[in-house]
C-alpha atoms as a PDB file:
ATOM      1  CA  MET A   1      -8.686   2.281  31.642  1.00  0.00           C
ATOM      2  CA  THR A   2     -12.394   1.555  31.337  1.00  0.00           C
ATOM      3  CA  TYR A   3     -13.622   0.389  27.932  1.00  0.00           C
ATOM      4  CA  PRO A   4     -17.204   1.242  26.948  1.00  0.00           C
ATOM      5  CA  LYS A   5     -19.438  -1.629  28.043  1.00  0.00           C
ATOM      6  CA  GLU A   6     -21.288  -1.536  24.748  1.00  0.00           C
ATOM      7  CA  HIS A   7     -18.005  -2.033  22.854  1.00  0.00           C
ATOM      8  CA  LEU A   8     -17.194  -5.183  24.800  1.00  0.00           C
ATOM      9  CA  GLU A   9     -20.736  -6.475  24.411  1.00  0.00           C
ATOM     10  CA  ASN A  10     -20.616  -5.832  20.650  1.00  0.00           C
ATOM     11  CA  THR A  11     -17.292  -7.643  20.337  1.00  0.00           C
ATOM     12  CA  ALA A  12     -18.496 -10.639  22.362  1.00  0.00           C
ATOM     13  CA  ALA A  13     -21.806 -10.833  20.488  1.00  0.00           C
ATOM     14  CA  PHE A  14     -19.988 -10.834  17.142  1.00  0.00           C
ATOM     15  CA  ILE A  15     -17.634 -13.631  18.220  1.00  0.00           C
ATOM     16  CA  ARG A  16     -20.493 -15.717  19.631  1.00  0.00           C
ATOM     17  CA  LYS A  17     -22.201 -15.613  16.219  1.00  0.00           C
ATOM     18  CA  HIS A  18     -19.273 -17.619  14.879  1.00  0.00           C
ATOM     19  CA  THR A  19     -18.857 -20.228  17.630  1.00  0.00           C
ATOM     20  CA  SER A  20     -20.682 -21.847  20.545  1.00  0.00           C
ATOM     21  CA  ILE A  21     -17.434 -22.473  22.444  1.00  0.00           C
ATOM     22  CA  GLN A  22     -17.158 -20.596  25.732  1.00  0.00           C
ATOM     23  CA  PRO A  23     -13.424 -19.956  26.222  1.00  0.00           C
ATOM     24  CA  GLU A  24     -11.865 -20.511  29.630  1.00  0.00           C
ATOM     25  CA  TYR A  25      -8.352 -19.579  28.588  1.00  0.00           C
ATOM     26  CA  GLY A  26      -7.063 -16.658  26.568  1.00  0.00           C
ATOM     27  CA  ILE A  27      -3.773 -17.182  24.731  1.00  0.00           C
ATOM     28  CA  ILE A  28      -1.662 -14.565  22.954  1.00  0.00           C
ATOM     29  CA  LEU A  29       0.789 -15.934  20.398  1.00  0.00           C
ATOM     30  CA  GLY A  30       3.780 -13.678  19.805  1.00  0.00           C
ATOM     31  CA  SER A  31       6.019 -13.089  16.796  1.00  0.00           C
ATOM     32  CA  GLY A  32       6.208 -16.178  14.604  1.00  0.00           C
ATOM     33  CA  LEU A  33       4.370 -18.377  17.120  1.00  0.00           C
ATOM     34  CA  GLY A  34       0.979 -18.277  15.397  1.00  0.00           C
ATOM     35  CA  VAL A  35       1.576 -21.779  14.009  1.00  0.00           C
ATOM     36  CA  ILE A  36       0.456 -23.143  17.392  1.00  0.00           C
ATOM     37  CA  ALA A  37      -3.116 -22.199  16.497  1.00  0.00           C
ATOM     38  CA  GLU A  38      -2.975 -24.614  13.542  1.00  0.00           C
ATOM     39  CA  SER A  39      -3.172 -27.599  15.911  1.00  0.00           C
ATOM     40  CA  MET A  40      -6.445 -26.497  17.510  1.00  0.00           C
ATOM     41  CA  GLU A  41      -9.630 -28.565  17.262  1.00  0.00           C
ATOM     42  CA  GLU A  42     -13.088 -27.215  16.332  1.00  0.00           C
ATOM     43  CA  ALA A  43     -11.274 -24.037  15.388  1.00  0.00           C
ATOM     44  CA  VAL A  44     -13.051 -20.956  14.085  1.00  0.00           C
ATOM     45  CA  ARG A  45     -10.728 -18.307  12.649  1.00  0.00           C
ATOM     46  CA  ILE A  46     -11.825 -14.649  12.464  1.00  0.00           C
ATOM     47  CA  PRO A  47      -9.571 -11.923  11.001  1.00  0.00           C
ATOM     48  CA  TYR A  48      -9.107  -8.987  13.367  1.00  0.00           C
ATOM     49  CA  SER A  49     -10.286  -6.673  10.605  1.00  0.00           C
ATOM     50  CA  GLU A  50     -13.795  -8.166  10.895  1.00  0.00           C
ATOM     51  CA  ILE A  51     -14.125  -7.944  14.694  1.00  0.00           C
ATOM     52  CA  PRO A  52     -15.766  -4.812  16.102  1.00  0.00           C
ATOM     53  CA  HIS A  53     -13.320  -2.562  17.989  1.00  0.00           C
ATOM     54  CA  PHE A  54     -10.258  -4.715  17.247  1.00  0.00           C
ATOM     55  CA  LEU A  55      -7.161  -3.091  15.758  1.00  0.00           C
ATOM     56  CA  LYS A  56      -5.158  -4.105  12.699  1.00  0.00           C
ATOM     57  CA  SER A  57      -1.974  -6.092  13.348  1.00  0.00           C
ATOM     58  CA  THR A  58       0.883  -4.827  11.157  1.00  0.00           C
ATOM     59  CA  ALA A  59       3.956  -6.434  12.778  1.00  0.00           C
ATOM     60  CA  PRO A  60       5.966  -9.080  10.855  1.00  0.00           C
ATOM     61  CA  GLY A  61       5.182 -12.635  11.936  1.00  0.00           C
ATOM     62  CA  HIS A  62       1.691 -11.762  13.200  1.00  0.00           C
ATOM     63  CA  ALA A  63      -1.148 -13.351  11.205  1.00  0.00           C
ATOM     64  CA  GLY A  64      -3.855 -11.107  12.676  1.00  0.00           C
ATOM     65  CA  ASN A  65      -6.553 -13.679  13.456  1.00  0.00           C
ATOM     66  CA  LEU A  66      -8.654 -14.555  16.477  1.00  0.00           C
ATOM     67  CA  VAL A  67      -9.022 -18.333  16.749  1.00  0.00           C
ATOM     68  CA  ILE A  68     -11.601 -19.928  19.053  1.00  0.00           C
ATOM     69  CA  GLY A  69     -11.544 -23.679  19.617  1.00  0.00           C
ATOM     70  CA  LYS A  70     -10.066 -26.470  21.726  1.00  0.00           C
ATOM     71  CA  LEU A  71      -6.403 -27.008  22.582  1.00  0.00           C
ATOM     72  CA  ASN A  72      -5.752 -30.308  24.305  1.00  0.00           C
ATOM     73  CA  GLY A  73      -9.401 -30.423  25.306  1.00  0.00           C
ATOM     74  CA  LYS A  74      -9.451 -26.924  26.834  1.00  0.00           C
ATOM     75  CA  ALA A  75     -11.687 -24.184  25.424  1.00  0.00           C
ATOM     76  CA  VAL A  76      -9.414 -21.365  24.289  1.00  0.00           C
ATOM     77  CA  MET A  77      -9.572 -17.950  22.653  1.00  0.00           C
ATOM     78  CA  VAL A  78      -6.288 -17.430  20.823  1.00  0.00           C
ATOM     79  CA  MET A  79      -4.785 -14.271  19.389  1.00  0.00           C
ATOM     80  CA  GLN A  80      -2.748 -15.351  16.358  1.00  0.00           C
ATOM     81  CA  GLY A  81      -0.566 -12.256  16.551  1.00  0.00           C
ATOM     82  CA  ARG A  82      -0.906  -9.234  18.821  1.00  0.00           C
ATOM     83  CA  PHE A  83      -0.853  -5.433  18.734  1.00  0.00           C
ATOM     84  CA  HIS A  84       2.095  -3.253  19.812  1.00  0.00           C
ATOM     85  CA  THR A  85       2.458   0.379  20.791  1.00  0.00           C
ATOM     86  CA  TYR A  86       5.254   0.754  18.222  1.00  0.00           C
ATOM     87  CA  GLU A  87       2.581   0.274  15.568  1.00  0.00           C
ATOM     88  CA  GLY A  88       1.175   3.619  16.673  1.00  0.00           C
ATOM     89  CA  TYR A  89      -1.419   2.391  19.177  1.00  0.00           C
ATOM     90  CA  THR A  90      -1.833   3.342  22.830  1.00  0.00           C
ATOM     91  CA  GLN A  91      -1.463   0.754  25.584  1.00  0.00           C
ATOM     92  CA  GLN A  92      -5.185   1.102  26.206  1.00  0.00           C
ATOM     93  CA  GLU A  93      -5.915   0.161  22.587  1.00  0.00           C
ATOM     94  CA  VAL A  94      -3.347  -2.642  22.551  1.00  0.00           C
ATOM     95  CA  THR A  95      -4.911  -4.360  25.560  1.00  0.00           C
ATOM     96  CA  TYR A  96      -8.552  -4.197  24.466  1.00  0.00           C
ATOM     97  CA  PRO A  97      -8.505  -7.913  23.485  1.00  0.00           C
ATOM     98  CA  ILE A  98      -7.737  -8.830  27.117  1.00  0.00           C
ATOM     99  CA  ALA A  99     -10.970  -7.157  28.180  1.00  0.00           C
ATOM    100  CA  ALA A 100     -12.760  -9.003  25.365  1.00  0.00           C
ATOM    101  CA  MET A 101     -11.348 -12.331  26.570  1.00  0.00           C
ATOM    102  CA  LYS A 102     -12.659 -11.660  30.076  1.00  0.00           C
ATOM    103  CA  GLU A 103     -16.021 -10.594  28.622  1.00  0.00           C
ATOM    104  CA  MET A 104     -16.163 -13.935  26.776  1.00  0.00           C
ATOM    105  CA  GLY A 105     -15.567 -15.819  30.033  1.00  0.00           C
ATOM    106  CA  ALA A 106     -11.817 -16.493  30.055  1.00  0.00           C
ATOM    107  CA  HIS A 107     -10.397 -16.652  33.585  1.00  0.00           C
ATOM    108  CA  THR A 108      -6.741 -17.235  32.688  1.00  0.00           C
ATOM    109  CA  LEU A 109      -4.334 -15.561  30.268  1.00  0.00           C
ATOM    110  CA  ILE A 110      -1.333 -17.348  28.769  1.00  0.00           C
ATOM    111  CA  VAL A 111       0.842 -14.749  27.079  1.00  0.00           C
ATOM    112  CA  THR A 112       3.748 -15.725  24.828  1.00  0.00           C
ATOM    113  CA  CYS A 113       6.410 -13.645  23.140  1.00  0.00           C
ATOM    114  CA  ALA A 114       9.707 -13.692  21.287  1.00  0.00           C
ATOM    115  CA  THR A 115      12.319 -12.014  23.426  1.00  0.00           C
ATOM    116  CA  GLY A 116      16.002 -11.119  23.496  1.00  0.00           C
ATOM    117  CA  GLY A 117      18.057 -13.001  26.055  1.00  0.00           C
ATOM    118  CA  LEU A 118      20.048 -11.027  28.650  1.00  0.00           C
ATOM    119  CA  ASN A 119      21.186 -13.996  30.723  1.00  0.00           C
ATOM    120  CA  TYR A 120      24.544 -15.720  30.099  1.00  0.00           C
ATOM    121  CA  ASN A 121      22.873 -19.092  30.771  1.00  0.00           C
ATOM    122  CA  PHE A 122      20.472 -18.676  27.857  1.00  0.00           C
ATOM    123  CA  LYS A 123      20.936 -19.514  24.212  1.00  0.00           C
ATOM    124  CA  ALA A 124      18.757 -18.719  21.198  1.00  0.00           C
ATOM    125  CA  GLY A 125      15.855 -21.159  21.024  1.00  0.00           C
ATOM    126  CA  ASP A 126      15.538 -21.610  24.807  1.00  0.00           C
ATOM    127  CA  ILE A 127      12.235 -20.944  26.591  1.00  0.00           C
ATOM    128  CA  MET A 128      11.886 -18.767  29.684  1.00  0.00           C
ATOM    129  CA  LEU A 129       8.932 -18.861  32.052  1.00  0.00           C
ATOM    130  CA  ILE A 130       8.290 -15.281  33.134  1.00  0.00           C
ATOM    131  CA  ARG A 131       8.455 -14.918  36.921  1.00  0.00           C
ATOM    132  CA  ASP A 132       8.217 -11.125  37.057  1.00  0.00           C
ATOM    133  CA  HIS A 133       8.567  -8.106  34.795  1.00  0.00           C
ATOM    134  CA  ILE A 134       9.967  -4.601  34.585  1.00  0.00           C
ATOM    135  CA  ASN A 135       7.692  -2.071  32.921  1.00  0.00           C
ATOM    136  CA  PHE A 136      10.158   0.162  31.068  1.00  0.00           C
ATOM    137  CA  THR A 137       7.646   1.323  28.451  1.00  0.00           C
ATOM    138  CA  GLY A 138       7.033   4.725  30.061  1.00  0.00           C
ATOM    139  CA  SER A 139       3.285   4.163  30.170  1.00  0.00           C
ATOM    140  CA  ASN A 140       0.543   1.960  31.600  1.00  0.00           C
ATOM    141  CA  PRO A 141      -2.730   0.617  30.130  1.00  0.00           C
ATOM    142  CA  LEU A 142      -4.671   1.576  33.288  1.00  0.00           C
ATOM    143  CA  ILE A 143      -4.115   5.320  32.913  1.00  0.00           C
ATOM    144  CA  GLY A 144      -7.497   7.023  32.785  1.00  0.00           C
ATOM    145  CA  HIS A 145     -10.872   6.521  34.458  1.00  0.00           C
ATOM    146  CA  ASN A 146     -11.163   3.376  36.587  1.00  0.00           C
ATOM    147  CA  ASP A 147     -14.328   1.333  37.033  1.00  0.00           C
ATOM    148  CA  GLU A 148     -14.207  -0.332  40.454  1.00  0.00           C
ATOM    149  CA  ALA A 149     -16.613  -2.977  39.161  1.00  0.00           C
ATOM    150  CA  VAL A 150     -13.876  -4.083  36.739  1.00  0.00           C
ATOM    151  CA  GLY A 151     -10.849  -3.826  39.007  1.00  0.00           C
ATOM    152  CA  PRO A 152      -9.193  -1.719  41.724  1.00  0.00           C
ATOM    153  CA  ARG A 153      -7.743   1.733  41.080  1.00  0.00           C
ATOM    154  CA  PHE A 154      -4.344   0.507  42.337  1.00  0.00           C
ATOM    155  CA  PRO A 155      -3.952  -3.200  41.502  1.00  0.00           C
ATOM    156  CA  VAL A 156      -1.112  -5.018  43.274  1.00  0.00           C
ATOM    157  CA  MET A 157       1.387  -6.516  40.822  1.00  0.00           C
ATOM    158  CA  PHE A 158       3.064  -8.874  43.319  1.00  0.00           C
ATOM    159  CA  ASP A 159       2.692 -12.386  41.881  1.00  0.00           C
ATOM    160  CA  ALA A 160       1.273 -11.003  38.632  1.00  0.00           C
ATOM    161  CA  TYR A 161       2.501 -14.250  37.063  1.00  0.00           C
ATOM    162  CA  THR A 162       0.447 -16.704  39.111  1.00  0.00           C
ATOM    163  CA  PRO A 163       2.763 -18.949  41.210  1.00  0.00           C
ATOM    164  CA  GLU A 164       0.461 -21.969  40.874  1.00  0.00           C
ATOM    165  CA  LEU A 165       0.570 -21.677  37.082  1.00  0.00           C
ATOM    166  CA  ARG A 166       4.360 -21.447  37.143  1.00  0.00           C
ATOM    167  CA  LYS A 167       4.422 -24.786  38.994  1.00  0.00           C
ATOM    168  CA  VAL A 168       2.172 -26.255  36.295  1.00  0.00           C
ATOM    169  CA  ALA A 169       4.525 -25.002  33.580  1.00  0.00           C
ATOM    170  CA  HIS A 170       7.591 -26.548  35.220  1.00  0.00           C
ATOM    171  CA  SER A 171       5.792 -29.864  35.696  1.00  0.00           C
ATOM    172  CA  ALA A 172       4.626 -29.874  32.074  1.00  0.00           C
ATOM    173  CA  ALA A 173       8.111 -29.040  30.800  1.00  0.00           C
ATOM    174  CA  LEU A 174       9.613 -31.871  32.833  1.00  0.00           C
ATOM    175  CA  LYS A 175       7.100 -34.367  31.421  1.00  0.00           C
ATOM    176  CA  ALA A 176       7.740 -33.126  27.878  1.00  0.00           C
ATOM    177  CA  GLY A 177      11.511 -33.294  28.326  1.00  0.00           C
ATOM    178  CA  ILE A 178      11.939 -29.580  27.616  1.00  0.00           C
ATOM    179  CA  ARG A 179      14.374 -27.344  29.480  1.00  0.00           C
ATOM    180  CA  LEU A 180      12.489 -24.395  30.948  1.00  0.00           C
ATOM    181  CA  HIS A 181      14.311 -21.400  32.391  1.00  0.00           C
ATOM    182  CA  GLU A 182      12.612 -18.898  34.697  1.00  0.00           C
ATOM    183  CA  GLY A 183      13.377 -15.198  34.822  1.00  0.00           C
ATOM    184  CA  ILE A 184      12.452 -11.529  34.629  1.00  0.00           C
ATOM    185  CA  TYR A 185      11.164  -9.944  31.427  1.00  0.00           C
ATOM    186  CA  CYS A 186      11.695  -6.253  30.681  1.00  0.00           C
ATOM    187  CA  GLY A 187       9.062  -4.640  28.478  1.00  0.00           C
ATOM    188  CA  ILE A 188      10.101  -1.711  26.265  1.00  0.00           C
ATOM    189  CA  THR A 189       8.228   0.302  23.652  1.00  0.00           C
ATOM    190  CA  GLY A 190      10.461  -0.253  20.602  1.00  0.00           C
ATOM    191  CA  PRO A 191      10.602  -0.453  17.642  1.00  0.00           C
ATOM    192  CA  VAL A 192      14.415  -0.158  17.852  1.00  0.00           C
ATOM    193  CA  PHE A 193      16.653  -2.822  19.313  1.00  0.00           C
ATOM    194  CA  TYR A 194      18.513  -1.352  22.290  1.00  0.00           C
ATOM    195  CA  THR A 195      22.066   0.005  22.356  1.00  0.00           C
ATOM    196  CA  PRO A 196      24.831  -1.873  24.236  1.00  0.00           C
ATOM    197  CA  ALA A 197      24.726   0.725  27.037  1.00  0.00           C
ATOM    198  CA  GLU A 198      20.960   0.324  27.433  1.00  0.00           C
ATOM    199  CA  LEU A 199      21.233  -3.468  27.473  1.00  0.00           C
ATOM    200  CA  ARG A 200      23.963  -3.364  30.133  1.00  0.00           C
ATOM    201  CA  MET A 201      21.713  -1.140  32.242  1.00  0.00           C
ATOM    202  CA  LEU A 202      18.850  -3.645  32.059  1.00  0.00           C
ATOM    203  CA  MET A 203      21.168  -6.517  32.932  1.00  0.00           C
ATOM    204  CA  GLN A 204      22.298  -4.585  36.019  1.00  0.00           C
ATOM    205  CA  TRP A 205      18.638  -4.131  36.934  1.00  0.00           C
ATOM    206  CA  GLY A 206      18.208  -7.913  36.915  1.00  0.00           C
ATOM    207  CA  ALA A 207      16.377  -8.373  33.604  1.00  0.00           C
ATOM    208  CA  ASP A 208      16.842 -11.790  31.979  1.00  0.00           C
ATOM    209  CA  SER A 209      15.153 -10.893  28.707  1.00  0.00           C
ATOM    210  CA  ILE A 210      13.812  -7.911  26.779  1.00  0.00           C
ATOM    211  CA  GLY A 211      10.835  -7.470  24.469  1.00  0.00           C
ATOM    212  CA  MET A 212       8.366  -4.995  23.001  1.00  0.00           C
ATOM    213  CA  SER A 213       5.083  -6.467  24.255  1.00  0.00           C
ATOM    214  CA  THR A 214       3.494  -8.548  27.050  1.00  0.00           C
ATOM    215  CA  VAL A 215       3.736  -6.135  30.001  1.00  0.00           C
ATOM    216  CA  PRO A 216       0.645  -4.007  29.114  1.00  0.00           C
ATOM    217  CA  GLU A 217      -1.431  -7.152  28.493  1.00  0.00           C
ATOM    218  CA  VAL A 218      -0.405  -8.698  31.798  1.00  0.00           C
ATOM    219  CA  ILE A 219      -1.208  -5.501  33.709  1.00  0.00           C
ATOM    220  CA  ASN A 220      -4.671  -5.382  32.144  1.00  0.00           C
ATOM    221  CA  ALA A 221      -5.295  -9.065  32.910  1.00  0.00           C
ATOM    222  CA  VAL A 222      -4.228  -8.729  36.556  1.00  0.00           C
ATOM    223  CA  HIS A 223      -6.441  -5.652  36.923  1.00  0.00           C
ATOM    224  CA  ARG A 224      -9.407  -7.720  35.720  1.00  0.00           C
ATOM    225  CA  GLY A 225      -8.694 -10.567  38.151  1.00  0.00           C
ATOM    226  CA  MET A 226      -7.327 -13.043  35.624  1.00  0.00           C
ATOM    227  CA  LYS A 227      -4.615 -15.585  36.397  1.00  0.00           C
ATOM    228  CA  VAL A 228      -1.532 -15.169  34.208  1.00  0.00           C
ATOM    229  CA  MET A 229       1.235 -17.346  32.781  1.00  0.00           C
ATOM    230  CA  GLY A 230       4.010 -15.878  30.642  1.00  0.00           C
ATOM    231  CA  LEU A 231       6.235 -17.841  28.241  1.00  0.00           C
ATOM    232  CA  ALA A 232       9.105 -16.145  26.426  1.00  0.00           C
ATOM    233  CA  LEU A 233      10.968 -17.791  23.560  1.00  0.00           C
ATOM    234  CA  ILE A 234      14.572 -16.581  23.562  1.00  0.00           C
ATOM    235  CA  SER A 235      14.754 -15.646  19.891  1.00  0.00           C
ATOM    236  CA  ASP A 236      18.209 -14.048  20.067  1.00  0.00           C
ATOM    237  CA  ILE A 237      20.922 -13.246  22.590  1.00  0.00           C
ATOM    238  CA  ALA A 238      21.042  -9.502  23.257  1.00  0.00           C
ATOM    239  CA  ILE A 239      24.025  -9.512  25.637  1.00  0.00           C
ATOM    240  CA  PRO A 240      26.197  -6.587  24.462  1.00  0.00           C
ATOM    241  CA  ASP A 241      29.551  -8.371  25.015  1.00  0.00           C
ATOM    242  CA  GLY A 242      29.032 -10.291  21.771  1.00  0.00           C
ATOM    243  CA  GLY A 243      29.304  -7.128  19.710  1.00  0.00           C
ATOM    244  CA  HIS A 244      26.440  -8.257  17.470  1.00  0.00           C
ATOM    245  CA  HIS A 245      22.662  -8.006  17.640  1.00  0.00           C
ATOM    246  CA  ALA A 246      20.239 -10.110  15.656  1.00  0.00           C
ATOM    247  CA  THR A 247      18.006  -8.497  13.031  1.00  0.00           C
ATOM    248  CA  GLY A 248      14.244  -8.831  12.842  1.00  0.00           C
ATOM    249  CA  ASP A 249      14.663 -11.532  10.197  1.00  0.00           C
ATOM    250  CA  ASP A 250      17.084 -13.426  12.434  1.00  0.00           C
ATOM    251  CA  VAL A 251      14.504 -13.355  15.239  1.00  0.00           C
ATOM    252  CA  LEU A 252      11.739 -14.801  13.074  1.00  0.00           C
ATOM    253  CA  ARG A 253      14.088 -17.477  11.725  1.00  0.00           C
ATOM    254  CA  THR A 254      14.953 -18.651  15.243  1.00  0.00           C
ATOM    255  CA  VAL A 255      11.298 -18.637  16.278  1.00  0.00           C
ATOM    256  CA  LYS A 256      10.391 -20.767  13.252  1.00  0.00           C
ATOM    257  CA  GLU A 257      13.137 -23.264  14.082  1.00  0.00           C
ATOM    258  CA  SER A 258      11.980 -23.469  17.712  1.00  0.00           C
ATOM    259  CA  SER A 259       8.215 -23.469  17.138  1.00  0.00           C
ATOM    260  CA  GLU A 260       7.874 -27.264  17.336  1.00  0.00           C
ATOM    261  CA  THR A 261       9.391 -27.358  20.829  1.00  0.00           C
ATOM    262  CA  PHE A 262       7.337 -24.374  21.936  1.00  0.00           C
ATOM    263  CA  THR A 263       4.164 -26.033  20.606  1.00  0.00           C
ATOM    264  CA  ARG A 264       4.942 -29.245  22.507  1.00  0.00           C
ATOM    265  CA  LEU A 265       5.443 -27.278  25.711  1.00  0.00           C
ATOM    266  CA  LEU A 266       2.200 -25.335  25.361  1.00  0.00           C
ATOM    267  CA  ASN A 267       0.251 -28.522  24.593  1.00  0.00           C
ATOM    268  CA  SER A 268       1.810 -30.194  27.623  1.00  0.00           C
ATOM    269  CA  ILE A 269       0.843 -27.214  29.782  1.00  0.00           C
ATOM    270  CA  MET A 270      -2.756 -27.286  28.536  1.00  0.00           C
ATOM    271  CA  ALA A 271      -2.935 -30.995  29.365  1.00  0.00           C
ATOM    272  CA  GLU A 272      -1.747 -30.230  32.928  1.00  0.00           C
ATOM    273  CA  LEU A 273      -4.213 -27.416  33.588  1.00  0.00           C
END
């Protein structure tokens, strides 16, 4: 998908009117994780509703602000909440902010999310470093005209989650004393939580967690030549054997309880980069 150049230029020009910081890192904060942005320095907060060509975030636990500032000394452009296709948007629309981050100068994307655990070794509140993903959304943000100046028609998704950044994450977690799993994330469209039969299928495929975001953003970032790190907070255990699935409120409650640990990990990672 090629976004109009004038749209990206308008978005970047508007943001630059509010801050002189040139972001090197783009960060997307998933459901309930927006509190991380509160610890930023020199922060400028802009509601999505004011930014040209940005969508409106309607999902619970998503503040809907773009925050530009410093996190552990690194210049960052942070999405305090994201967009989802289950809100009625296309994957092309959902991933526009990734293009805006690259237009602003960000070379690396750190994407976070709340996700259901499909691994018997996980428990609610754990953190999983994403090693790979399964795109089970039925779509792709790159459908449409391709501009070779932006990225290749057929981008290779091997090592989409940059191996060097995964090493940084493990080192940072060790220093912070935080247990960090590593696994495969399956992206679905939502907005329903899956049936037991569907969850068993994904477990047989090798998925360690399931969520309704992240995959389109990562695809767009890889297409544009950005390095990518993915961090998934296990907000509930979705293994069907338990006979129970958490509600949306349960998910946000777990994320809130785990946000301090997640914040420490992300700060430790930024210090390592």
